[in-house]
Amino acid sequence: MSNFKNLVEKLRALENERKNLLLEIEELKKMADSKTKALESEIGMLREEVKSLRILLGAEEPERELGQKKKK
């Protein structure tokens, strides 16, 4: 009988741990989503700044990607 009682207690503990882990996963997903949105926004602003600086400096190809060389 005590073996059955131990199994029931272990099962409850495992179910509780599972529930807590699922809650933590959801919270981490929300944090990751928030960080992704913030990075996307920052990248958008940086792209606009690069575009503006290229135009300000009279770059010939403002839409040219960073790191690409101009073909001659």
C-alpha atoms as a PDB file:
ATOM      1  CA  MET A   1       0.000   0.000   0.000  1.00  0.00           C
ATOM      2  CA  SER A   2       2.829   2.427   0.782  1.00  0.00           C
ATOM      3  CA  ASN A   3       4.278   1.732  -2.660  1.00  0.00           C
ATOM      4  CA  PHE A   4       0.992   2.876  -4.210  1.00  0.00           C
ATOM      5  CA  LYS A   5       1.005   5.967  -1.976  1.00  0.00           C
ATOM      6  CA  ASN A   6       4.552   6.783  -3.082  1.00  0.00           C
ATOM      7  CA  LEU A   7       3.546   6.435  -6.730  1.00  0.00           C
ATOM      8  CA  VAL A   8       0.594   8.779  -6.250  1.00  0.00           C
ATOM      9  CA  GLU A   9       2.804  11.367  -4.523  1.00  0.00           C
ATOM     10  CA  LYS A  10       5.444  11.062  -7.224  1.00  0.00           C
ATOM     11  CA  LEU A  11       2.785  11.439  -9.925  1.00  0.00           C
ATOM     12  CA  ARG A  12       1.412  14.599  -8.273  1.00  0.00           C
ATOM     13  CA  ALA A  13       4.892  16.056  -7.944  1.00  0.00           C
ATOM     14  CA  LEU A  14       5.659  15.333 -11.604  1.00  0.00           C
ATOM     15  CA  GLU A  15       2.355  16.847 -12.740  1.00  0.00           C
ATOM     16  CA  ASN A  16       3.072  19.956 -10.685  1.00  0.00           C
ATOM     17  CA  GLU A  17       6.574  20.251 -12.139  1.00  0.00           C
ATOM     18  CA  ARG A  18       5.175  19.813 -15.657  1.00  0.00           C
ATOM     19  CA  LYS A  19       2.651  22.598 -15.047  1.00  0.00           C
ATOM     20  CA  ASN A  20       5.379  24.914 -13.738  1.00  0.00           C
ATOM     21  CA  LEU A  21       7.654  24.157 -16.685  1.00  0.00           C
ATOM     22  CA  LEU A  22       4.859  24.839 -19.178  1.00  0.00           C
ATOM     23  CA  LEU A  23       4.181  28.191 -17.492  1.00  0.00           C
ATOM     24  CA  GLU A  24       7.873  29.051 -17.626  1.00  0.00           C
ATOM     25  CA  ILE A  25       8.035  28.110 -21.310  1.00  0.00           C
ATOM     26  CA  GLU A  26       5.115  30.430 -22.096  1.00  0.00           C
ATOM     27  CA  GLU A  27       6.772  33.277 -20.206  1.00  0.00           C
ATOM     28  CA  LEU A  28      10.061  32.712 -22.028  1.00  0.00           C
ATOM     29  CA  LYS A  29       8.239  32.669 -25.380  1.00  0.00           C
ATOM     30  CA  LYS A  30       6.662  36.027 -24.537  1.00  0.00           C
ATOM     31  CA  MET A  31      10.066  37.435 -23.579  1.00  0.00           C
ATOM     32  CA  ALA A  32      11.614  36.143 -26.812  1.00  0.00           C
ATOM     33  CA  ASP A  33       8.784  37.644 -28.868  1.00  0.00           C
ATOM     34  CA  SER A  34       9.197  40.992 -27.153  1.00  0.00           C
ATOM     35  CA  LYS A  35      12.959  40.991 -27.706  1.00  0.00           C
ATOM     36  CA  THR A  36      12.475  40.035 -31.370  1.00  0.00           C
ATOM     37  CA  LYS A  37      10.064  42.927 -31.913  1.00  0.00           C
ATOM     38  CA  ALA A  38      12.465  45.357 -30.226  1.00  0.00           C
ATOM     39  CA  LEU A  39      15.375  44.181 -32.396  1.00  0.00           C
ATOM     40  CA  GLU A  40      13.284  44.420 -35.559  1.00  0.00           C
ATOM     41  CA  SER A  41      12.371  47.982 -34.646  1.00  0.00           C
ATOM     42  CA  GLU A  42      15.981  48.897 -33.897  1.00  0.00           C
ATOM     43  CA  ILE A  43      17.164  47.387 -37.186  1.00  0.00           C
ATOM     44  CA  GLY A  44      14.514  49.360 -39.056  1.00  0.00           C
ATOM     45  CA  MET A  45      15.693  52.591 -37.457  1.00  0.00           C
ATOM     46  CA  LEU A  46      19.332  51.779 -38.223  1.00  0.00           C
ATOM     47  CA  ARG A  47      18.485  51.045 -41.863  1.00  0.00           C
ATOM     48  CA  GLU A  48      16.711  54.394 -42.121  1.00  0.00           C
ATOM     49  CA  GLU A  49      19.704  56.133 -40.551  1.00  0.00           C
ATOM     50  CA  VAL A  50      22.087  54.467 -43.028  1.00  0.00           C
ATOM     51  CA  LYS A  51      19.817  55.465 -45.915  1.00  0.00           C
ATOM     52  CA  SER A  52      19.631  59.065 -44.680  1.00  0.00           C
ATOM     53  CA  LEU A  53      23.393  59.303 -44.191  1.00  0.00           C
ATOM     54  CA  ARG A  54      24.063  57.903 -47.651  1.00  0.00           C
ATOM     55  CA  ILE A  55      21.733  60.490 -49.166  1.00  0.00           C
ATOM     56  CA  LEU A  56      23.269  63.250 -47.050  1.00  0.00           C
ATOM     57  CA  LEU A  57      26.771  62.262 -48.144  1.00  0.00           C
ATOM     58  CA  GLY A  58      25.732  62.030 -51.780  1.00  0.00           C
ATOM     59  CA  ALA A  59      26.189  58.304 -52.181  1.00  0.00           C
ATOM     60  CA  GLU A  60      25.408  57.196 -55.723  1.00  0.00           C
ATOM     61  CA  GLU A  61      23.399  54.129 -54.711  1.00  0.00           C
ATOM     62  CA  PRO A  62      21.490  54.735 -51.449  1.00  0.00           C
ATOM     63  CA  GLU A  63      19.761  51.339 -51.677  1.00  0.00           C
ATOM     64  CA  ARG A  64      23.067  49.449 -51.998  1.00  0.00           C
ATOM     65  CA  GLU A  65      23.556  46.921 -49.193  1.00  0.00           C
ATOM     66  CA  LEU A  66      26.413  47.279 -46.740  1.00  0.00           C
ATOM     67  CA  GLY A  67      29.518  45.336 -47.688  1.00  0.00           C
ATOM     68  CA  GLN A  68      28.774  45.229 -51.408  1.00  0.00           C
ATOM     69  CA  LYS A  69      31.361  46.817 -53.692  1.00  0.00           C
ATOM     70  CA  LYS A  70      30.350  49.084 -56.560  1.00  0.00           C
ATOM     71  CA  LYS A  71      30.847  47.345 -59.918  1.00  0.00           C
ATOM     72  CA  LYS A  72      33.056  49.119 -62.469  1.00  0.00           C
END
